[in-house]
Amino acid sequence: MDSAQQTSPAPDDNDGPDDLSRQFGDRVRELRKRGNLTLEELSRQSGVSRAMLSKVERGEKSPTIGVAKRICRALNTSLSFLTGGEEDRRAVAVVRKDQRHVFRDRDTGFERHLLSPPIAGSSVELLLHLLPAGASTGIMPSYPSGTEKYVVVAEGELVMVIGGVDYSLKQGDSLFFEANVDHSFENRSKAACSYYLVIARRDRAA
């Protein structure tokens, strides 16, 4: 799923604890305490309500992708870390289908599958997103300058909304954009959509 301003609690949260929710919450609490942040401070930095953060940490709420991204931004971490941790770099790494880090938004049916190995410090992530008919990720907060996204539609139709402008993509179409602007992924069709997403972070000193 990052604005520094306080916003109203997002309504798009999912009820019911599960293993992924508890793991996500445990890692949020770990990083918050490591950063010497109170729930109130994390709430101000993320724009997510204190009540929502408390339920997320206890594994009582499964956040939507948008809420999760705001929490990640405030904690200066990646969603891949919060959904499963990171590994040391290896010369060769195989990710089996049943070993993927998966984030599921039970409210919309959206799924985020991490296809690349979750290597600590990696500047590139390869993802597969599954977006049901009529579903949307909601607004994704802007990334730090130097972050790029590449999208390739594998199946169905996808509408990218970037800085308030719509870009319609069909199967086989691709798109690149600088991710330092609010954006969203929307499936306005009556059929499921899947697309590959590459997130690349350039060295700011380059």
N, C-alpha and C. Protein backbone atom coordinates (compact mmCIF):
# COMPACT_ATOMS: atom_id res chain seq x y z
N MET A 1 1.12 -1.08 0.00
CA MET A 1 0.00 0.00 0.00
C MET A 1 1.45 1.40 0.00
N ASP A 2 0.96 7.97 2.52
CA ASP A 2 2.30 8.30 2.95
C ASP A 2 2.46 9.81 3.07
N SER A 3 1.35 10.49 3.12
CA SER A 3 1.42 11.94 3.27
C SER A 3 1.83 12.27 4.68
N ALA A 4 2.60 13.35 4.83
CA ALA A 4 3.03 13.77 6.16
C ALA A 4 1.91 14.49 6.89
N GLN A 5 0.84 14.86 6.17
CA GLN A 5 -0.24 15.58 6.79
C GLN A 5 -1.24 14.60 7.38
N GLN A 6 -1.93 15.01 8.45
CA GLN A 6 -2.94 14.19 9.07
C GLN A 6 -4.17 14.15 8.19
N THR A 7 -4.68 12.96 7.93
CA THR A 7 -5.89 12.83 7.14
C THR A 7 -6.91 12.04 7.91
N SER A 8 -8.13 12.03 7.41
CA SER A 8 -9.18 11.28 8.09
C SER A 8 -8.89 9.80 7.97
N PRO A 9 -9.34 8.98 8.92
CA PRO A 9 -9.12 7.56 8.86
C PRO A 9 -9.68 6.98 7.57
N ALA A 10 -8.91 6.16 6.91
CA ALA A 10 -9.38 5.57 5.67
C ALA A 10 -10.45 4.55 5.95
N PRO A 11 -11.58 4.56 5.22
CA PRO A 11 -12.65 3.62 5.48
C PRO A 11 -12.38 2.26 4.91
N ASP A 12 -11.37 2.14 4.02
CA ASP A 12 -11.16 0.90 3.29
C ASP A 12 -10.25 -0.03 4.06
N ASP A 13 -10.69 -0.48 5.24
CA ASP A 13 -9.93 -1.46 5.98
C ASP A 13 -10.71 -2.75 6.02
N ASN A 14 -10.05 -3.85 6.33
CA ASN A 14 -10.65 -5.17 6.28
C ASN A 14 -10.69 -5.78 7.67
N ASP A 15 -11.82 -6.33 8.04
CA ASP A 15 -11.99 -6.92 9.36
C ASP A 15 -11.50 -8.36 9.39
N GLY A 16 -11.13 -8.81 10.58
CA GLY A 16 -10.81 -10.20 10.78
C GLY A 16 -9.34 -10.49 10.74
N PRO A 17 -8.79 -11.05 11.83
CA PRO A 17 -7.36 -11.36 11.87
C PRO A 17 -7.02 -12.61 11.07
N ASP A 18 -5.83 -12.68 10.53
CA ASP A 18 -5.30 -13.88 9.92
C ASP A 18 -3.79 -13.84 10.10
N ASP A 19 -3.10 -14.87 9.63
CA ASP A 19 -1.66 -14.94 9.84
C ASP A 19 -0.94 -13.76 9.20
N LEU A 20 -1.35 -13.40 7.98
CA LEU A 20 -0.69 -12.29 7.29
C LEU A 20 -0.92 -10.98 8.03
N SER A 21 -2.13 -10.78 8.55
CA SER A 21 -2.43 -9.55 9.29
C SER A 21 -1.59 -9.47 10.55
N ARG A 22 -1.47 -10.58 11.25
CA ARG A 22 -0.67 -10.58 12.49
C ARG A 22 0.80 -10.34 12.20
N GLN A 23 1.31 -10.96 11.13
CA GLN A 23 2.72 -10.75 10.77
C GLN A 23 2.96 -9.30 10.38
N PHE A 24 2.05 -8.75 9.59
CA PHE A 24 2.16 -7.35 9.18
C PHE A 24 2.16 -6.46 10.41
N GLY A 25 1.22 -6.69 11.33
CA GLY A 25 1.12 -5.87 12.53
C GLY A 25 2.34 -5.98 13.42
N ASP A 26 2.87 -7.19 13.55
CA ASP A 26 4.07 -7.38 14.37
C ASP A 26 5.25 -6.58 13.83
N ARG A 27 5.40 -6.55 12.51
CA ARG A 27 6.52 -5.84 11.91
C ARG A 27 6.32 -4.32 12.00
N VAL A 28 5.08 -3.87 11.89
CA VAL A 28 4.81 -2.45 12.07
C VAL A 28 5.18 -2.02 13.48
N ARG A 29 4.77 -2.80 14.47
CA ARG A 29 5.07 -2.48 15.86
C ARG A 29 6.58 -2.50 16.10
N GLU A 30 7.26 -3.50 15.52
CA GLU A 30 8.71 -3.62 15.69
C GLU A 30 9.42 -2.38 15.15
N LEU A 31 9.05 -1.94 13.95
CA LEU A 31 9.72 -0.78 13.35
C LEU A 31 9.33 0.52 14.06
N ARG A 32 8.10 0.61 14.51
CA ARG A 32 7.67 1.81 15.24
C ARG A 32 8.48 1.96 16.52
N LYS A 33 8.62 0.87 17.26
CA LYS A 33 9.37 0.93 18.51
C LYS A 33 10.85 1.15 18.25
N ARG A 34 11.36 0.55 17.18
CA ARG A 34 12.77 0.75 16.84
C ARG A 34 13.04 2.22 16.53
N GLY A 35 12.03 2.89 15.97
CA GLY A 35 12.18 4.30 15.65
C GLY A 35 11.76 5.22 16.78
N ASN A 36 11.46 4.63 17.96
CA ASN A 36 11.04 5.41 19.14
C ASN A 36 9.84 6.30 18.84
N LEU A 37 8.88 5.73 18.10
CA LEU A 37 7.67 6.47 17.75
C LEU A 37 6.49 5.98 18.57
N THR A 38 5.67 6.90 19.04
CA THR A 38 4.42 6.52 19.67
C THR A 38 3.39 6.31 18.57
N LEU A 39 2.26 5.72 18.93
CA LEU A 39 1.19 5.56 17.94
C LEU A 39 0.72 6.91 17.42
N GLU A 40 0.66 7.89 18.33
CA GLU A 40 0.23 9.22 17.92
C GLU A 40 1.20 9.83 16.89
N GLU A 41 2.50 9.65 17.12
CA GLU A 41 3.49 10.20 16.20
C GLU A 41 3.42 9.50 14.84
N LEU A 42 3.26 8.17 14.85
CA LEU A 42 3.15 7.44 13.59
C LEU A 42 1.87 7.84 12.87
N SER A 43 0.82 8.08 13.63
CA SER A 43 -0.44 8.52 13.03
C SER A 43 -0.26 9.85 12.30
N ARG A 44 0.43 10.79 12.94
CA ARG A 44 0.65 12.10 12.32
C ARG A 44 1.50 11.97 11.06
N GLN A 45 2.51 11.11 11.11
CA GLN A 45 3.43 10.99 9.98
C GLN A 45 2.82 10.23 8.80
N SER A 46 1.92 9.30 9.11
CA SER A 46 1.35 8.45 8.05
C SER A 46 0.00 8.94 7.54
N GLY A 47 -0.71 9.72 8.36
CA GLY A 47 -2.06 10.11 7.97
C GLY A 47 -3.08 9.02 8.22
N VAL A 48 -2.69 8.00 8.99
CA VAL A 48 -3.59 6.90 9.36
C VAL A 48 -3.97 7.09 10.82
N SER A 49 -5.23 6.92 11.15
CA SER A 49 -5.69 7.19 12.51
C SER A 49 -4.99 6.31 13.54
N ARG A 50 -4.88 6.81 14.76
CA ARG A 50 -4.26 6.04 15.84
C ARG A 50 -5.03 4.76 16.08
N ALA A 51 -6.37 4.84 16.04
CA ALA A 51 -7.20 3.65 16.28
C ALA A 51 -6.93 2.58 15.23
N MET A 52 -6.81 3.00 13.98
CA MET A 52 -6.54 2.05 12.90
C MET A 52 -5.16 1.42 13.08
N LEU A 53 -4.15 2.25 13.40
CA LEU A 53 -2.81 1.73 13.60
C LEU A 53 -2.77 0.72 14.73
N SER A 54 -3.48 1.01 15.81
CA SER A 54 -3.50 0.10 16.95
C SER A 54 -4.09 -1.25 16.56
N LYS A 55 -5.17 -1.22 15.79
CA LYS A 55 -5.80 -2.48 15.35
C LYS A 55 -4.92 -3.23 14.37
N VAL A 56 -4.21 -2.49 13.52
CA VAL A 56 -3.28 -3.13 12.58
C VAL A 56 -2.16 -3.83 13.34
N GLU A 57 -1.59 -3.15 14.34
CA GLU A 57 -0.49 -3.74 15.11
C GLU A 57 -0.94 -5.00 15.85
N ARG A 58 -2.18 -5.02 16.29
CA ARG A 58 -2.69 -6.20 17.01
C ARG A 58 -3.19 -7.29 16.07
N GLY A 59 -3.13 -7.03 14.77
CA GLY A 59 -3.58 -8.02 13.80
C GLY A 59 -5.08 -8.11 13.69
N GLU A 60 -5.79 -7.11 14.21
CA GLU A 60 -7.24 -7.12 14.18
C GLU A 60 -7.81 -6.54 12.89
N LYS A 61 -6.99 -5.78 12.16
CA LYS A 61 -7.40 -5.19 10.90
C LYS A 61 -6.36 -5.49 9.83
N SER A 62 -6.84 -5.83 8.66
CA SER A 62 -5.97 -5.99 7.51
C SER A 62 -6.11 -4.74 6.66
N PRO A 63 -5.07 -3.90 6.56
CA PRO A 63 -5.20 -2.62 5.86
C PRO A 63 -5.33 -2.80 4.36
N THR A 64 -5.95 -1.83 3.73
CA THR A 64 -5.97 -1.80 2.27
C THR A 64 -4.58 -1.45 1.78
N ILE A 65 -4.36 -1.59 0.47
CA ILE A 65 -3.05 -1.30 -0.08
C ILE A 65 -2.67 0.15 0.13
N GLY A 66 -3.64 1.06 0.03
CA GLY A 66 -3.34 2.48 0.22
C GLY A 66 -2.90 2.79 1.64
N VAL A 67 -3.61 2.24 2.62
CA VAL A 67 -3.24 2.43 4.03
C VAL A 67 -1.89 1.81 4.31
N ALA A 68 -1.66 0.61 3.79
CA ALA A 68 -0.38 -0.07 4.01
C ALA A 68 0.78 0.74 3.44
N LYS A 69 0.58 1.33 2.27
CA LYS A 69 1.64 2.13 1.66
C LYS A 69 1.95 3.37 2.49
N ARG A 70 0.92 3.99 3.09
CA ARG A 70 1.16 5.17 3.91
C ARG A 70 1.95 4.79 5.17
N ILE A 71 1.65 3.63 5.73
CA ILE A 71 2.38 3.16 6.91
C ILE A 71 3.84 2.89 6.53
N CYS A 72 4.05 2.26 5.39
CA CYS A 72 5.42 1.97 4.93
C CYS A 72 6.22 3.25 4.76
N ARG A 73 5.59 4.23 4.14
CA ARG A 73 6.29 5.50 3.87
C ARG A 73 6.70 6.15 5.19
N ALA A 74 5.80 6.15 6.17
CA ALA A 74 6.10 6.79 7.46
C ALA A 74 7.20 6.05 8.20
N LEU A 75 7.29 4.74 8.01
CA LEU A 75 8.31 3.94 8.70
C LEU A 75 9.58 3.78 7.87
N ASN A 76 9.59 4.39 6.69
CA ASN A 76 10.76 4.31 5.80
C ASN A 76 11.14 2.86 5.51
N THR A 77 10.13 2.07 5.13
CA THR A 77 10.37 0.67 4.82
C THR A 77 9.56 0.29 3.59
N SER A 78 9.66 -0.96 3.18
CA SER A 78 8.93 -1.44 2.00
C SER A 78 7.77 -2.34 2.42
N LEU A 79 6.78 -2.42 1.56
CA LEU A 79 5.67 -3.33 1.82
C LEU A 79 6.14 -4.78 1.80
N SER A 80 7.15 -5.04 0.99
CA SER A 80 7.70 -6.40 0.93
C SER A 80 8.26 -6.82 2.29
N PHE A 81 8.91 -5.88 3.00
CA PHE A 81 9.44 -6.21 4.32
C PHE A 81 8.30 -6.47 5.30
N LEU A 82 7.28 -5.63 5.27
CA LEU A 82 6.18 -5.77 6.23
C LEU A 82 5.35 -7.02 5.98
N THR A 83 5.37 -7.54 4.76
CA THR A 83 4.58 -8.73 4.47
C THR A 83 5.38 -10.02 4.55
N GLY A 84 6.69 -9.92 4.86
CA GLY A 84 7.41 -11.18 4.95
C GLY A 84 8.88 -11.08 5.27
N GLY A 85 9.39 -9.89 5.44
CA GLY A 85 10.80 -9.76 5.78
C GLY A 85 11.68 -9.69 4.56
N GLU A 86 12.97 -9.64 4.79
CA GLU A 86 13.95 -9.53 3.72
C GLU A 86 15.05 -10.56 3.91
N GLU A 87 15.75 -10.85 2.82
CA GLU A 87 16.80 -11.86 2.84
C GLU A 87 18.14 -11.23 2.47
N ASP A 88 19.20 -11.90 2.85
CA ASP A 88 20.53 -11.45 2.44
C ASP A 88 20.71 -11.70 0.95
N ARG A 89 21.54 -10.88 0.32
CA ARG A 89 21.78 -11.00 -1.11
C ARG A 89 22.50 -12.31 -1.43
N ARG A 90 22.05 -12.96 -2.52
CA ARG A 90 22.70 -14.17 -3.02
C ARG A 90 22.93 -14.01 -4.51
N ALA A 91 23.89 -14.78 -5.04
CA ALA A 91 24.19 -14.70 -6.48
C ALA A 91 23.02 -15.21 -7.31
N VAL A 92 22.33 -16.23 -6.82
CA VAL A 92 21.16 -16.79 -7.50
C VAL A 92 20.07 -17.01 -6.46
N ALA A 93 18.86 -16.55 -6.78
CA ALA A 93 17.73 -16.73 -5.85
C ALA A 93 16.51 -17.16 -6.63
N VAL A 94 15.91 -18.25 -6.23
CA VAL A 94 14.70 -18.77 -6.87
C VAL A 94 13.52 -18.52 -5.95
N VAL A 95 12.43 -17.97 -6.50
CA VAL A 95 11.21 -17.74 -5.72
C VAL A 95 10.14 -18.68 -6.25
N ARG A 96 9.80 -19.70 -5.48
CA ARG A 96 8.75 -20.63 -5.88
C ARG A 96 7.39 -19.97 -5.73
N LYS A 97 6.43 -20.43 -6.54
CA LYS A 97 5.10 -19.82 -6.54
C LYS A 97 4.48 -19.84 -5.15
N ASP A 98 4.67 -20.94 -4.43
CA ASP A 98 4.05 -21.06 -3.10
C ASP A 98 4.87 -20.36 -2.01
N GLN A 99 5.97 -19.70 -2.40
CA GLN A 99 6.80 -18.99 -1.43
C GLN A 99 6.73 -17.47 -1.60
N ARG A 100 5.89 -17.01 -2.51
CA ARG A 100 5.78 -15.58 -2.75
C ARG A 100 5.26 -14.84 -1.53
N HIS A 101 5.71 -13.60 -1.36
CA HIS A 101 5.11 -12.70 -0.39
C HIS A 101 3.86 -12.13 -1.04
N VAL A 102 2.71 -12.34 -0.42
CA VAL A 102 1.44 -11.92 -1.00
C VAL A 102 0.71 -10.98 -0.04
N PHE A 103 0.25 -9.86 -0.59
CA PHE A 103 -0.60 -8.93 0.16
C PHE A 103 -1.98 -9.00 -0.46
N ARG A 104 -3.00 -9.27 0.35
CA ARG A 104 -4.37 -9.36 -0.15
C ARG A 104 -5.25 -8.32 0.53
N ASP A 105 -5.99 -7.59 -0.28
CA ASP A 105 -6.98 -6.64 0.23
C ASP A 105 -8.33 -7.35 0.14
N ARG A 106 -8.79 -7.87 1.27
CA ARG A 106 -10.01 -8.66 1.25
C ARG A 106 -11.25 -7.83 0.96
N ASP A 107 -11.13 -6.52 1.07
CA ASP A 107 -12.27 -5.65 0.80
C ASP A 107 -12.53 -5.52 -0.69
N THR A 108 -11.46 -5.44 -1.49
CA THR A 108 -11.61 -5.26 -2.94
C THR A 108 -11.24 -6.50 -3.74
N GLY A 109 -10.53 -7.44 -3.13
CA GLY A 109 -10.06 -8.61 -3.86
C GLY A 109 -8.72 -8.40 -4.53
N PHE A 110 -8.15 -7.21 -4.39
CA PHE A 110 -6.83 -6.92 -4.97
C PHE A 110 -5.77 -7.81 -4.34
N GLU A 111 -4.83 -8.29 -5.17
CA GLU A 111 -3.71 -9.08 -4.67
C GLU A 111 -2.40 -8.54 -5.22
N ARG A 112 -1.39 -8.51 -4.37
CA ARG A 112 -0.04 -8.07 -4.74
C ARG A 112 0.91 -9.22 -4.48
N HIS A 113 1.50 -9.77 -5.54
CA HIS A 113 2.44 -10.89 -5.42
C HIS A 113 3.84 -10.38 -5.71
N LEU A 114 4.74 -10.57 -4.76
CA LEU A 114 6.14 -10.21 -4.99
C LEU A 114 6.82 -11.36 -5.70
N LEU A 115 7.26 -11.12 -6.94
CA LEU A 115 7.90 -12.17 -7.74
C LEU A 115 9.41 -12.18 -7.58
N SER A 116 9.99 -11.04 -7.28
CA SER A 116 11.44 -10.97 -7.09
C SER A 116 11.78 -11.36 -5.66
N PRO A 117 12.98 -11.85 -5.42
CA PRO A 117 13.37 -12.20 -4.05
C PRO A 117 13.43 -10.95 -3.19
N PRO A 118 12.95 -11.03 -1.96
CA PRO A 118 12.94 -9.85 -1.07
C PRO A 118 14.31 -9.58 -0.47
N ILE A 119 15.24 -9.15 -1.31
CA ILE A 119 16.61 -8.94 -0.89
C ILE A 119 16.77 -7.57 -0.26
N ALA A 120 17.36 -7.54 0.91
CA ALA A 120 17.57 -6.27 1.61
C ALA A 120 18.42 -5.33 0.78
N GLY A 121 17.97 -4.10 0.65
CA GLY A 121 18.73 -3.10 -0.08
C GLY A 121 18.58 -3.13 -1.58
N SER A 122 17.74 -4.04 -2.11
CA SER A 122 17.55 -4.12 -3.55
C SER A 122 16.85 -2.87 -4.07
N SER A 123 17.26 -2.41 -5.26
CA SER A 123 16.68 -1.20 -5.83
C SER A 123 15.57 -1.50 -6.83
N VAL A 124 15.26 -2.80 -7.03
CA VAL A 124 14.25 -3.19 -8.00
C VAL A 124 13.33 -4.24 -7.39
N GLU A 125 12.02 -4.09 -7.66
CA GLU A 125 11.04 -5.10 -7.26
C GLU A 125 10.21 -5.47 -8.48
N LEU A 126 9.95 -6.77 -8.65
CA LEU A 126 9.07 -7.27 -9.70
C LEU A 126 7.81 -7.81 -9.05
N LEU A 127 6.66 -7.30 -9.47
CA LEU A 127 5.40 -7.64 -8.84
C LEU A 127 4.36 -8.08 -9.86
N LEU A 128 3.42 -8.89 -9.40
CA LEU A 128 2.24 -9.24 -10.17
C LEU A 128 1.04 -8.77 -9.38
N HIS A 129 0.21 -7.93 -10.01
CA HIS A 129 -1.01 -7.44 -9.36
C HIS A 129 -2.22 -8.07 -10.02
N LEU A 130 -3.17 -8.50 -9.19
CA LEU A 130 -4.44 -9.05 -9.66
C LEU A 130 -5.55 -8.12 -9.21
N LEU A 131 -6.32 -7.60 -10.17
CA LEU A 131 -7.34 -6.60 -9.86
C LEU A 131 -8.68 -7.08 -10.41
N PRO A 132 -9.62 -7.44 -9.53
CA PRO A 132 -10.93 -7.93 -9.99
C PRO A 132 -11.71 -6.88 -10.78
N ALA A 133 -12.73 -7.32 -11.47
CA ALA A 133 -13.58 -6.41 -12.24
C ALA A 133 -14.16 -5.34 -11.33
N GLY A 134 -14.08 -4.10 -11.80
CA GLY A 134 -14.65 -2.98 -11.06
C GLY A 134 -13.87 -2.52 -9.85
N ALA A 135 -12.70 -3.11 -9.62
CA ALA A 135 -11.93 -2.80 -8.41
C ALA A 135 -10.85 -1.75 -8.69
N SER A 136 -10.40 -1.12 -7.63
CA SER A 136 -9.34 -0.11 -7.71
C SER A 136 -8.43 -0.23 -6.50
N THR A 137 -7.19 0.14 -6.68
CA THR A 137 -6.27 0.16 -5.53
C THR A 137 -6.54 1.36 -4.63
N GLY A 138 -7.29 2.34 -5.15
CA GLY A 138 -7.40 3.60 -4.45
C GLY A 138 -6.13 4.40 -4.72
N ILE A 139 -6.10 5.62 -4.24
CA ILE A 139 -4.95 6.49 -4.50
C ILE A 139 -3.71 5.97 -3.78
N MET A 140 -2.65 5.78 -4.54
CA MET A 140 -1.36 5.38 -3.99
C MET A 140 -0.54 6.64 -3.79
N PRO A 141 -0.02 6.86 -2.61
CA PRO A 141 0.75 8.09 -2.36
C PRO A 141 2.03 8.13 -3.19
N SER A 142 2.51 9.33 -3.43
CA SER A 142 3.72 9.50 -4.23
C SER A 142 4.92 8.89 -3.53
N TYR A 143 5.87 8.44 -4.34
CA TYR A 143 7.13 7.87 -3.85
C TYR A 143 8.19 8.97 -3.84
N PRO A 144 9.30 8.72 -3.16
CA PRO A 144 10.40 9.68 -3.20
C PRO A 144 10.90 9.89 -4.62
N SER A 145 11.42 11.05 -4.90
CA SER A 145 11.97 11.35 -6.22
C SER A 145 13.03 10.30 -6.59
N GLY A 146 13.01 9.88 -7.85
CA GLY A 146 13.96 8.85 -8.29
C GLY A 146 13.35 7.48 -8.39
N THR A 147 12.08 7.34 -7.98
CA THR A 147 11.39 6.05 -8.07
C THR A 147 10.62 5.98 -9.38
N GLU A 148 10.81 4.89 -10.13
CA GLU A 148 10.15 4.70 -11.42
C GLU A 148 9.29 3.44 -11.37
N LYS A 149 8.19 3.47 -12.12
CA LYS A 149 7.34 2.29 -12.23
C LYS A 149 7.12 1.95 -13.69
N TYR A 150 7.18 0.66 -13.98
CA TYR A 150 6.94 0.13 -15.32
C TYR A 150 5.78 -0.86 -15.22
N VAL A 151 4.77 -0.70 -16.07
CA VAL A 151 3.57 -1.52 -16.01
C VAL A 151 3.39 -2.25 -17.33
N VAL A 152 3.08 -3.54 -17.27
CA VAL A 152 2.75 -4.33 -18.46
C VAL A 152 1.47 -5.10 -18.17
N VAL A 153 0.44 -4.89 -18.97
CA VAL A 153 -0.84 -5.57 -18.75
C VAL A 153 -0.77 -6.98 -19.32
N ALA A 154 -0.99 -7.98 -18.47
CA ALA A 154 -0.94 -9.37 -18.89
C ALA A 154 -2.30 -9.86 -19.36
N GLU A 155 -3.36 -9.36 -18.71
CA GLU A 155 -4.71 -9.82 -19.04
C GLU A 155 -5.71 -8.72 -18.69
N GLY A 156 -6.70 -8.54 -19.54
CA GLY A 156 -7.77 -7.58 -19.26
C GLY A 156 -7.41 -6.16 -19.62
N GLU A 157 -8.10 -5.22 -18.97
CA GLU A 157 -7.92 -3.80 -19.23
C GLU A 157 -7.62 -3.07 -17.92
N LEU A 158 -6.73 -2.11 -18.01
CA LEU A 158 -6.29 -1.36 -16.83
C LEU A 158 -6.32 0.13 -17.14
N VAL A 159 -6.79 0.91 -16.17
CA VAL A 159 -6.72 2.36 -16.28
C VAL A 159 -5.77 2.87 -15.21
N MET A 160 -4.70 3.51 -15.65
CA MET A 160 -3.77 4.15 -14.73
C MET A 160 -4.17 5.61 -14.59
N VAL A 161 -4.33 6.07 -13.36
CA VAL A 161 -4.62 7.47 -13.11
C VAL A 161 -3.37 8.07 -12.47
N ILE A 162 -2.69 8.93 -13.22
CA ILE A 162 -1.42 9.50 -12.78
C ILE A 162 -1.54 11.01 -12.74
N GLY A 163 -1.45 11.56 -11.56
CA GLY A 163 -1.59 13.01 -11.43
C GLY A 163 -2.92 13.52 -11.96
N GLY A 164 -3.97 12.71 -11.82
CA GLY A 164 -5.31 13.11 -12.25
C GLY A 164 -5.60 12.86 -13.72
N VAL A 165 -4.66 12.29 -14.46
CA VAL A 165 -4.84 12.00 -15.89
C VAL A 165 -5.01 10.50 -16.09
N ASP A 166 -6.02 10.09 -16.89
CA ASP A 166 -6.29 8.69 -17.16
C ASP A 166 -5.46 8.18 -18.33
N TYR A 167 -4.90 6.97 -18.18
CA TYR A 167 -4.20 6.29 -19.25
C TYR A 167 -4.78 4.88 -19.36
N SER A 168 -5.46 4.59 -20.47
CA SER A 168 -6.12 3.29 -20.65
C SER A 168 -5.17 2.31 -21.32
N LEU A 169 -5.04 1.14 -20.72
CA LEU A 169 -4.13 0.11 -21.24
C LEU A 169 -4.90 -1.19 -21.45
N LYS A 170 -4.55 -1.89 -22.52
CA LYS A 170 -5.13 -3.19 -22.80
C LYS A 170 -4.04 -4.26 -22.76
N GLN A 171 -4.46 -5.51 -22.90
CA GLN A 171 -3.52 -6.62 -22.83
C GLN A 171 -2.34 -6.40 -23.77
N GLY A 172 -1.13 -6.50 -23.22
CA GLY A 172 0.08 -6.32 -24.01
C GLY A 172 0.63 -4.91 -24.00
N ASP A 173 -0.19 -3.95 -23.56
CA ASP A 173 0.28 -2.57 -23.49
C ASP A 173 1.19 -2.37 -22.28
N SER A 174 2.08 -1.39 -22.38
CA SER A 174 2.99 -1.09 -21.27
C SER A 174 3.04 0.41 -21.04
N LEU A 175 3.49 0.79 -19.88
CA LEU A 175 3.54 2.20 -19.49
C LEU A 175 4.68 2.40 -18.50
N PHE A 176 5.34 3.53 -18.61
CA PHE A 176 6.38 3.93 -17.67
C PHE A 176 6.00 5.28 -17.08
N PHE A 177 6.28 5.48 -15.78
CA PHE A 177 6.07 6.81 -15.22
C PHE A 177 6.94 7.01 -14.00
N GLU A 178 7.25 8.28 -13.76
CA GLU A 178 7.95 8.68 -12.54
C GLU A 178 6.92 8.65 -11.41
N ALA A 179 7.22 7.93 -10.34
CA ALA A 179 6.22 7.66 -9.32
C ALA A 179 6.17 8.71 -8.20
N ASN A 180 6.75 9.88 -8.43
CA ASN A 180 6.74 10.92 -7.40
C ASN A 180 5.47 11.78 -7.50
N VAL A 181 4.35 11.10 -7.80
CA VAL A 181 3.05 11.76 -7.89
C VAL A 181 1.99 10.74 -7.48
N ASP A 182 0.88 11.21 -6.90
CA ASP A 182 -0.20 10.31 -6.52
C ASP A 182 -0.72 9.58 -7.77
N HIS A 183 -1.05 8.30 -7.61
CA HIS A 183 -1.52 7.52 -8.74
C HIS A 183 -2.39 6.37 -8.25
N SER A 184 -3.12 5.77 -9.17
CA SER A 184 -3.96 4.62 -8.80
C SER A 184 -4.07 3.67 -9.98
N PHE A 185 -4.40 2.42 -9.65
CA PHE A 185 -4.61 1.38 -10.66
C PHE A 185 -6.09 1.01 -10.59
N GLU A 186 -6.79 1.09 -11.72
CA GLU A 186 -8.23 0.85 -11.73
C GLU A 186 -8.62 -0.12 -12.83
N ASN A 187 -9.54 -1.01 -12.49
CA ASN A 187 -10.13 -1.92 -13.48
C ASN A 187 -11.59 -1.52 -13.63
N ARG A 188 -11.89 -0.79 -14.67
CA ARG A 188 -13.25 -0.31 -14.89
C ARG A 188 -14.06 -1.24 -15.78
N SER A 189 -13.48 -2.38 -16.11
CA SER A 189 -14.15 -3.33 -16.99
C SER A 189 -14.94 -4.36 -16.17
N LYS A 190 -15.56 -5.29 -16.88
CA LYS A 190 -16.36 -6.33 -16.23
C LYS A 190 -15.61 -7.66 -16.17
N ALA A 191 -14.32 -7.62 -16.46
CA ALA A 191 -13.49 -8.83 -16.40
C ALA A 191 -12.25 -8.55 -15.55
N ALA A 192 -11.68 -9.61 -15.01
CA ALA A 192 -10.50 -9.47 -14.16
C ALA A 192 -9.31 -8.93 -14.96
N CYS A 193 -8.41 -8.28 -14.26
CA CYS A 193 -7.20 -7.73 -14.88
C CYS A 193 -5.98 -8.17 -14.08
N SER A 194 -4.92 -8.50 -14.79
CA SER A 194 -3.65 -8.78 -14.12
C SER A 194 -2.56 -8.03 -14.86
N TYR A 195 -1.58 -7.55 -14.12
CA TYR A 195 -0.50 -6.78 -14.74
C TYR A 195 0.77 -6.93 -13.93
N TYR A 196 1.88 -6.83 -14.64
CA TYR A 196 3.18 -6.88 -14.00
C TYR A 196 3.65 -5.46 -13.72
N LEU A 197 4.30 -5.30 -12.60
CA LEU A 197 4.77 -3.99 -12.18
C LEU A 197 6.23 -4.10 -11.73
N VAL A 198 7.07 -3.25 -12.30
CA VAL A 198 8.46 -3.16 -11.86
C VAL A 198 8.63 -1.81 -11.17
N ILE A 199 9.15 -1.85 -9.94
CA ILE A 199 9.45 -0.63 -9.21
C ILE A 199 10.97 -0.52 -9.12
N ALA A 200 11.50 0.56 -9.65
CA ALA A 200 12.95 0.77 -9.66
C ALA A 200 13.28 2.07 -8.95
N ARG A 201 14.28 2.02 -8.12
CA ARG A 201 14.71 3.21 -7.36
C ARG A 201 16.11 3.60 -7.80
N ARG A 202 16.22 4.75 -8.43
CA ARG A 202 17.53 5.22 -8.90
C ARG A 202 18.33 5.75 -7.72
N ASP A 203 19.62 5.63 -7.83
CA ASP A 203 20.52 6.22 -6.84
C ASP A 203 20.42 7.72 -6.94
N ARG A 204 20.02 8.38 -5.84
CA ARG A 204 19.83 9.83 -5.89
C ARG A 204 21.12 10.57 -6.21
N ALA A 205 22.24 9.94 -5.90
CA ALA A 205 23.53 10.60 -6.14
C ALA A 205 23.96 10.48 -7.60
N ALA A 206 23.24 9.61 -8.35
CA ALA A 206 23.63 9.38 -9.74
C ALA A 206 23.27 10.56 -10.62
